[in-house]
Amino acid sequence: MDKTRSQKLKRLVAVQRHLERMAEIELAGTTRQRREVAETMEAVVGAINSLDPVHRNFSKIYSGNYNRLQQTDQMLANVQQMHEMRVLRERTKGDRMEERMREARAVEDRDAADTSIYDLIDQFVSYRKP
């Protein structure tokens, strides 16, 4: 069975939407990691600012941890930005493909309507001939 152009494009749209969902899942994972890092940074800042003598003894260690967390957050921010751009790019591709699919379907519908009208005309002409 030969598939029409709109059917092929429909399949491509489904694949593109799947790629879009995968990009969204990766973005959600990165966002979750950034949120966890932010929570950890808040806890470290709380420990650094604490008046508890136990925390004062470890302030240099906490400071080093905070610096590493800042670097991790910056790296995750860059990764998140990359994922956001990827989601946007995949969504745009999917939208364009979907529009092409609709256009192809409209052309196929018009062709089918034209063909049926020509068939009716042919039947009418052949019926009228003696």
N, C-alpha and C. Protein backbone atom coordinates (compact mmCIF):
# COMPACT_ATOMS: atom_id res chain seq x y z
N MET A 1 0.85 -1.18 0.00
CA MET A 1 0.00 0.00 0.00
C MET A 1 0.89 1.24 0.00
N ASP A 2 0.64 2.10 -0.96
CA ASP A 2 1.44 3.31 -1.09
C ASP A 2 0.85 4.40 -0.19
N LYS A 3 1.67 4.94 0.67
CA LYS A 3 1.20 5.97 1.60
C LYS A 3 1.21 7.33 0.92
N THR A 4 0.25 8.14 1.31
CA THR A 4 0.18 9.49 0.76
C THR A 4 1.20 10.38 1.46
N ARG A 5 1.41 11.54 0.87
CA ARG A 5 2.36 12.49 1.45
C ARG A 5 1.93 12.92 2.84
N SER A 6 0.64 13.14 3.02
CA SER A 6 0.16 13.57 4.34
C SER A 6 0.35 12.48 5.39
N GLN A 7 0.19 11.22 4.99
CA GLN A 7 0.41 10.12 5.95
C GLN A 7 1.88 10.04 6.35
N LYS A 8 2.76 10.22 5.38
CA LYS A 8 4.19 10.22 5.69
C LYS A 8 4.55 11.37 6.61
N LEU A 9 4.00 12.54 6.31
CA LEU A 9 4.26 13.70 7.16
C LEU A 9 3.66 13.53 8.55
N LYS A 10 2.52 12.87 8.63
CA LYS A 10 1.90 12.61 9.93
C LYS A 10 2.83 11.76 10.78
N ARG A 11 3.44 10.76 10.18
CA ARG A 11 4.40 9.91 10.89
C ARG A 11 5.61 10.74 11.34
N LEU A 12 6.11 11.60 10.47
CA LEU A 12 7.24 12.46 10.83
C LEU A 12 6.88 13.42 11.95
N VAL A 13 5.65 13.93 11.93
CA VAL A 13 5.20 14.83 13.00
C VAL A 13 5.20 14.07 14.33
N ALA A 14 4.72 12.83 14.31
CA ALA A 14 4.71 12.03 15.54
C ALA A 14 6.12 11.82 16.08
N VAL A 15 7.05 11.53 15.18
CA VAL A 15 8.45 11.35 15.59
C VAL A 15 9.01 12.66 16.14
N GLN A 16 8.70 13.76 15.47
CA GLN A 16 9.20 15.07 15.91
C GLN A 16 8.63 15.44 17.27
N ARG A 17 7.36 15.14 17.51
CA ARG A 17 6.75 15.42 18.82
C ARG A 17 7.40 14.56 19.90
N HIS A 18 7.79 13.34 19.53
CA HIS A 18 8.49 12.48 20.48
C HIS A 18 9.85 13.10 20.84
N LEU A 19 10.56 13.59 19.84
CA LEU A 19 11.84 14.26 20.09
C LEU A 19 11.64 15.49 20.98
N GLU A 20 10.55 16.19 20.75
CA GLU A 20 10.23 17.37 21.57
C GLU A 20 9.99 16.96 23.03
N ARG A 21 9.24 15.87 23.22
CA ARG A 21 8.99 15.40 24.59
C ARG A 21 10.29 14.95 25.27
N MET A 22 11.17 14.31 24.51
CA MET A 22 12.45 13.89 25.08
C MET A 22 13.26 15.12 25.53
N ALA A 23 13.26 16.15 24.72
CA ALA A 23 13.98 17.39 25.07
C ALA A 23 13.35 18.03 26.31
N GLU A 24 12.03 17.99 26.40
CA GLU A 24 11.35 18.55 27.58
C GLU A 24 11.70 17.76 28.84
N ILE A 25 11.82 16.45 28.71
CA ILE A 25 12.19 15.61 29.87
C ILE A 25 13.61 15.94 30.32
N GLU A 26 14.52 16.11 29.37
CA GLU A 26 15.90 16.48 29.72
C GLU A 26 15.92 17.85 30.40
N LEU A 27 15.12 18.78 29.89
CA LEU A 27 15.04 20.11 30.50
C LEU A 27 14.50 20.01 31.91
N ALA A 28 13.48 19.20 32.11
CA ALA A 28 12.91 19.02 33.46
C ALA A 28 13.95 18.44 34.41
N GLY A 29 14.75 17.49 33.94
CA GLY A 29 15.79 16.91 34.78
C GLY A 29 16.84 17.94 35.18
N THR A 30 17.24 18.76 34.24
CA THR A 30 18.22 19.80 34.53
C THR A 30 17.64 20.83 35.50
N THR A 31 16.39 21.18 35.30
CA THR A 31 15.73 22.13 36.20
C THR A 31 15.65 21.57 37.61
N ARG A 32 15.34 20.29 37.72
CA ARG A 32 15.29 19.64 39.03
C ARG A 32 16.66 19.66 39.70
N GLN A 33 17.72 19.37 38.93
CA GLN A 33 19.07 19.39 39.48
C GLN A 33 19.44 20.79 39.96
N ARG A 34 19.07 21.79 39.19
CA ARG A 34 19.37 23.18 39.62
C ARG A 34 18.64 23.53 40.90
N ARG A 35 17.41 23.07 41.02
CA ARG A 35 16.64 23.33 42.24
C ARG A 35 17.31 22.65 43.44
N GLU A 36 17.79 21.42 43.25
CA GLU A 36 18.47 20.71 44.33
C GLU A 36 19.76 21.42 44.73
N VAL A 37 20.51 21.90 43.74
CA VAL A 37 21.74 22.64 44.02
C VAL A 37 21.42 23.93 44.77
N ALA A 38 20.35 24.61 44.37
CA ALA A 38 19.95 25.86 45.04
C ALA A 38 19.58 25.58 46.50
N GLU A 39 18.87 24.49 46.74
CA GLU A 39 18.51 24.13 48.12
C GLU A 39 19.75 23.82 48.95
N THR A 40 20.70 23.12 48.34
CA THR A 40 21.94 22.80 49.04
C THR A 40 22.73 24.07 49.33
N MET A 41 22.74 25.00 48.37
CA MET A 41 23.44 26.27 48.58
C MET A 41 22.81 27.03 49.75
N GLU A 42 21.48 27.03 49.82
CA GLU A 42 20.81 27.70 50.93
C GLU A 42 21.19 27.07 52.26
N ALA A 43 21.29 25.74 52.29
CA ALA A 43 21.67 25.05 53.52
C ALA A 43 23.10 25.39 53.92
N VAL A 44 24.01 25.47 52.93
CA VAL A 44 25.41 25.81 53.22
C VAL A 44 25.50 27.25 53.72
N VAL A 45 24.77 28.16 53.10
CA VAL A 45 24.78 29.56 53.55
C VAL A 45 24.24 29.63 54.98
N GLY A 46 23.19 28.86 55.25
CA GLY A 46 22.66 28.82 56.61
C GLY A 46 23.67 28.31 57.60
N ALA A 47 24.45 27.30 57.21
CA ALA A 47 25.48 26.76 58.10
C ALA A 47 26.61 27.77 58.29
N ILE A 48 26.99 28.47 57.23
CA ILE A 48 28.07 29.47 57.33
C ILE A 48 27.65 30.60 58.26
N ASN A 49 26.41 31.03 58.17
CA ASN A 49 25.91 32.15 58.97
C ASN A 49 25.45 31.73 60.37
N SER A 50 25.53 30.45 60.63
CA SER A 50 25.04 29.94 61.91
C SER A 50 25.95 30.37 63.06
N LEU A 51 25.35 30.59 64.21
CA LEU A 51 26.12 30.94 65.40
C LEU A 51 26.55 29.69 66.17
N ASP A 52 26.14 28.54 65.70
CA ASP A 52 26.50 27.28 66.34
C ASP A 52 28.01 27.08 66.23
N PRO A 53 28.69 26.79 67.35
CA PRO A 53 30.15 26.63 67.31
C PRO A 53 30.62 25.48 66.42
N VAL A 54 29.81 24.48 66.26
CA VAL A 54 30.20 23.35 65.39
C VAL A 54 30.37 23.83 63.96
N HIS A 55 29.45 24.66 63.50
CA HIS A 55 29.52 25.16 62.13
C HIS A 55 30.67 26.14 61.93
N ARG A 56 31.01 26.88 62.97
CA ARG A 56 32.13 27.84 62.85
C ARG A 56 33.43 27.12 62.56
N ASN A 57 33.62 25.95 63.13
CA ASN A 57 34.85 25.20 62.90
C ASN A 57 34.98 24.73 61.45
N PHE A 58 33.87 24.58 60.78
CA PHE A 58 33.89 24.06 59.40
C PHE A 58 33.61 25.14 58.36
N SER A 59 33.73 26.39 58.72
CA SER A 59 33.35 27.47 57.81
C SER A 59 34.19 27.47 56.53
N LYS A 60 35.48 27.12 56.60
CA LYS A 60 36.31 27.07 55.39
C LYS A 60 35.84 25.94 54.47
N ILE A 61 35.49 24.82 55.03
CA ILE A 61 34.99 23.70 54.24
C ILE A 61 33.67 24.08 53.58
N TYR A 62 32.80 24.75 54.37
CA TYR A 62 31.51 25.18 53.83
C TYR A 62 31.71 26.18 52.70
N SER A 63 32.68 27.06 52.86
CA SER A 63 32.97 28.05 51.83
C SER A 63 33.42 27.37 50.53
N GLY A 64 34.27 26.37 50.66
CA GLY A 64 34.71 25.61 49.48
C GLY A 64 33.55 24.88 48.82
N ASN A 65 32.70 24.30 49.67
CA ASN A 65 31.51 23.63 49.13
C ASN A 65 30.61 24.61 48.39
N TYR A 66 30.45 25.79 48.96
CA TYR A 66 29.59 26.79 48.34
C TYR A 66 30.15 27.21 46.97
N ASN A 67 31.47 27.38 46.89
CA ASN A 67 32.08 27.75 45.61
C ASN A 67 31.86 26.66 44.57
N ARG A 68 32.01 25.40 44.96
CA ARG A 68 31.77 24.29 44.03
C ARG A 68 30.30 24.25 43.61
N LEU A 69 29.42 24.51 44.56
CA LEU A 69 27.99 24.53 44.23
C LEU A 69 27.67 25.67 43.26
N GLN A 70 28.32 26.81 43.43
CA GLN A 70 28.11 27.93 42.50
C GLN A 70 28.56 27.54 41.09
N GLN A 71 29.70 26.88 41.00
CA GLN A 71 30.20 26.44 39.70
C GLN A 71 29.24 25.42 39.06
N THR A 72 28.76 24.50 39.89
CA THR A 72 27.81 23.51 39.40
C THR A 72 26.53 24.18 38.93
N ASP A 73 26.06 25.16 39.70
CA ASP A 73 24.84 25.88 39.32
C ASP A 73 25.04 26.61 38.00
N GLN A 74 26.19 27.24 37.81
CA GLN A 74 26.47 27.95 36.56
C GLN A 74 26.50 26.98 35.39
N MET A 75 27.15 25.82 35.59
CA MET A 75 27.20 24.82 34.53
C MET A 75 25.80 24.32 34.20
N LEU A 76 24.99 24.06 35.23
CA LEU A 76 23.62 23.60 35.01
C LEU A 76 22.77 24.68 34.35
N ALA A 77 23.04 25.95 34.67
CA ALA A 77 22.31 27.04 34.02
C ALA A 77 22.60 27.05 32.52
N ASN A 78 23.87 26.83 32.15
CA ASN A 78 24.23 26.76 30.73
C ASN A 78 23.57 25.56 30.06
N VAL A 79 23.58 24.43 30.74
CA VAL A 79 22.94 23.22 30.19
C VAL A 79 21.44 23.46 30.05
N GLN A 80 20.84 24.10 31.05
CA GLN A 80 19.41 24.37 31.01
C GLN A 80 19.08 25.28 29.82
N GLN A 81 19.89 26.28 29.61
CA GLN A 81 19.66 27.18 28.48
C GLN A 81 19.76 26.41 27.16
N MET A 82 20.72 25.51 27.06
CA MET A 82 20.87 24.69 25.86
C MET A 82 19.63 23.83 25.65
N HIS A 83 19.12 23.22 26.74
CA HIS A 83 17.92 22.39 26.63
C HIS A 83 16.70 23.22 26.25
N GLU A 84 16.59 24.42 26.78
CA GLU A 84 15.47 25.29 26.43
C GLU A 84 15.49 25.63 24.94
N MET A 85 16.68 25.91 24.41
CA MET A 85 16.79 26.21 22.99
C MET A 85 16.44 24.97 22.16
N ARG A 86 16.86 23.81 22.63
CA ARG A 86 16.56 22.57 21.92
C ARG A 86 15.06 22.30 21.90
N VAL A 87 14.40 22.50 23.05
CA VAL A 87 12.95 22.31 23.11
C VAL A 87 12.27 23.25 22.12
N LEU A 88 12.68 24.49 22.11
CA LEU A 88 12.09 25.47 21.19
C LEU A 88 12.33 25.07 19.74
N ARG A 89 13.53 24.62 19.43
CA ARG A 89 13.86 24.21 18.07
C ARG A 89 13.03 23.00 17.65
N GLU A 90 12.91 22.00 18.52
CA GLU A 90 12.14 20.80 18.20
C GLU A 90 10.66 21.14 18.05
N ARG A 91 10.15 22.02 18.90
CA ARG A 91 8.74 22.42 18.82
C ARG A 91 8.47 23.16 17.50
N THR A 92 9.40 24.03 17.12
CA THR A 92 9.24 24.78 15.87
C THR A 92 9.25 23.84 14.68
N LYS A 93 10.17 22.88 14.68
CA LYS A 93 10.21 21.90 13.59
C LYS A 93 8.89 21.13 13.52
N GLY A 94 8.40 20.70 14.67
CA GLY A 94 7.14 19.95 14.70
C GLY A 94 5.98 20.78 14.19
N ASP A 95 5.93 22.04 14.58
CA ASP A 95 4.85 22.92 14.13
C ASP A 95 4.90 23.11 12.62
N ARG A 96 6.09 23.29 12.08
CA ARG A 96 6.23 23.47 10.63
C ARG A 96 5.82 22.20 9.88
N MET A 97 6.26 21.06 10.41
CA MET A 97 5.91 19.79 9.77
C MET A 97 4.41 19.55 9.82
N GLU A 98 3.81 19.90 10.95
CA GLU A 98 2.36 19.72 11.09
C GLU A 98 1.61 20.60 10.10
N GLU A 99 2.10 21.82 9.89
CA GLU A 99 1.47 22.71 8.92
C GLU A 99 1.60 22.13 7.50
N ARG A 100 2.78 21.61 7.17
CA ARG A 100 2.97 20.97 5.85
C ARG A 100 2.05 19.77 5.69
N MET A 101 1.87 19.01 6.77
CA MET A 101 0.98 17.85 6.73
C MET A 101 -0.45 18.30 6.44
N ARG A 102 -0.90 19.36 7.09
CA ARG A 102 -2.25 19.88 6.86
C ARG A 102 -2.41 20.36 5.41
N GLU A 103 -1.38 21.04 4.92
CA GLU A 103 -1.43 21.52 3.53
C GLU A 103 -1.50 20.34 2.56
N ALA A 104 -0.69 19.31 2.82
CA ALA A 104 -0.70 18.12 1.96
C ALA A 104 -2.05 17.43 2.01
N ARG A 105 -2.63 17.37 3.19
CA ARG A 105 -3.96 16.75 3.34
C ARG A 105 -5.02 17.55 2.58
N ALA A 106 -4.94 18.86 2.63
CA ALA A 106 -5.89 19.70 1.90
C ALA A 106 -5.76 19.48 0.39
N VAL A 107 -4.52 19.37 -0.09
CA VAL A 107 -4.29 19.12 -1.53
C VAL A 107 -4.86 17.76 -1.90
N GLU A 108 -4.63 16.75 -1.06
CA GLU A 108 -5.16 15.41 -1.34
C GLU A 108 -6.68 15.41 -1.34
N ASP A 109 -7.29 16.14 -0.41
CA ASP A 109 -8.75 16.22 -0.37
C ASP A 109 -9.30 16.91 -1.62
N ARG A 110 -8.62 17.99 -2.04
CA ARG A 110 -9.06 18.67 -3.26
C ARG A 110 -8.92 17.75 -4.48
N ASP A 111 -7.81 17.02 -4.55
CA ASP A 111 -7.61 16.08 -5.66
C ASP A 111 -8.68 14.99 -5.66
N ALA A 112 -9.01 14.49 -4.48
CA ALA A 112 -10.05 13.46 -4.37
C ALA A 112 -11.40 14.02 -4.80
N ALA A 113 -11.70 15.25 -4.39
CA ALA A 113 -12.97 15.87 -4.79
C ALA A 113 -13.01 16.09 -6.30
N ASP A 114 -11.89 16.56 -6.86
CA ASP A 114 -11.84 16.77 -8.32
C ASP A 114 -12.02 15.46 -9.06
N THR A 115 -11.36 14.43 -8.59
CA THR A 115 -11.47 13.11 -9.22
C THR A 115 -12.89 12.59 -9.17
N SER A 116 -13.55 12.76 -8.04
CA SER A 116 -14.93 12.28 -7.94
C SER A 116 -15.86 13.06 -8.87
N ILE A 117 -15.61 14.36 -9.02
CA ILE A 117 -16.43 15.16 -9.94
C ILE A 117 -16.19 14.71 -11.39
N TYR A 118 -14.92 14.47 -11.73
CA TYR A 118 -14.62 13.99 -13.09
C TYR A 118 -15.25 12.63 -13.33
N ASP A 119 -15.27 11.78 -12.33
CA ASP A 119 -15.91 10.47 -12.47
C ASP A 119 -17.40 10.62 -12.71
N LEU A 120 -18.03 11.53 -11.98
CA LEU A 120 -19.46 11.77 -12.18
C LEU A 120 -19.74 12.30 -13.58
N ILE A 121 -18.89 13.21 -14.04
CA ILE A 121 -19.06 13.76 -15.39
C ILE A 121 -18.90 12.66 -16.43
N ASP A 122 -17.86 11.82 -16.24
CA ASP A 122 -17.65 10.70 -17.17
C ASP A 122 -18.84 9.75 -17.19
N GLN A 123 -19.38 9.46 -16.01
CA GLN A 123 -20.55 8.57 -15.94
C GLN A 123 -21.75 9.21 -16.64
N PHE A 124 -21.92 10.49 -16.41
CA PHE A 124 -23.05 11.19 -17.01
C PHE A 124 -22.91 11.20 -18.54
N VAL A 125 -21.70 11.49 -19.03
CA VAL A 125 -21.46 11.54 -20.47
C VAL A 125 -21.63 10.17 -21.07
N SER A 126 -21.12 9.14 -20.41
CA SER A 126 -21.24 7.79 -20.98
C SER A 126 -22.68 7.30 -20.92
N TYR A 127 -23.47 7.73 -20.00
CA TYR A 127 -24.87 7.35 -19.89
C TYR A 127 -25.70 8.02 -20.97
N ARG A 128 -25.35 9.24 -21.35
CA ARG A 128 -26.11 10.01 -22.33
C ARG A 128 -25.83 9.54 -23.76
N LYS A 129 -24.69 8.89 -24.00
CA LYS A 129 -24.37 8.43 -25.35
C LYS A 129 -25.20 7.18 -25.66
N PRO A 130 -25.71 7.12 -26.89
CA PRO A 130 -26.51 5.95 -27.26
C PRO A 130 -25.67 4.73 -27.54
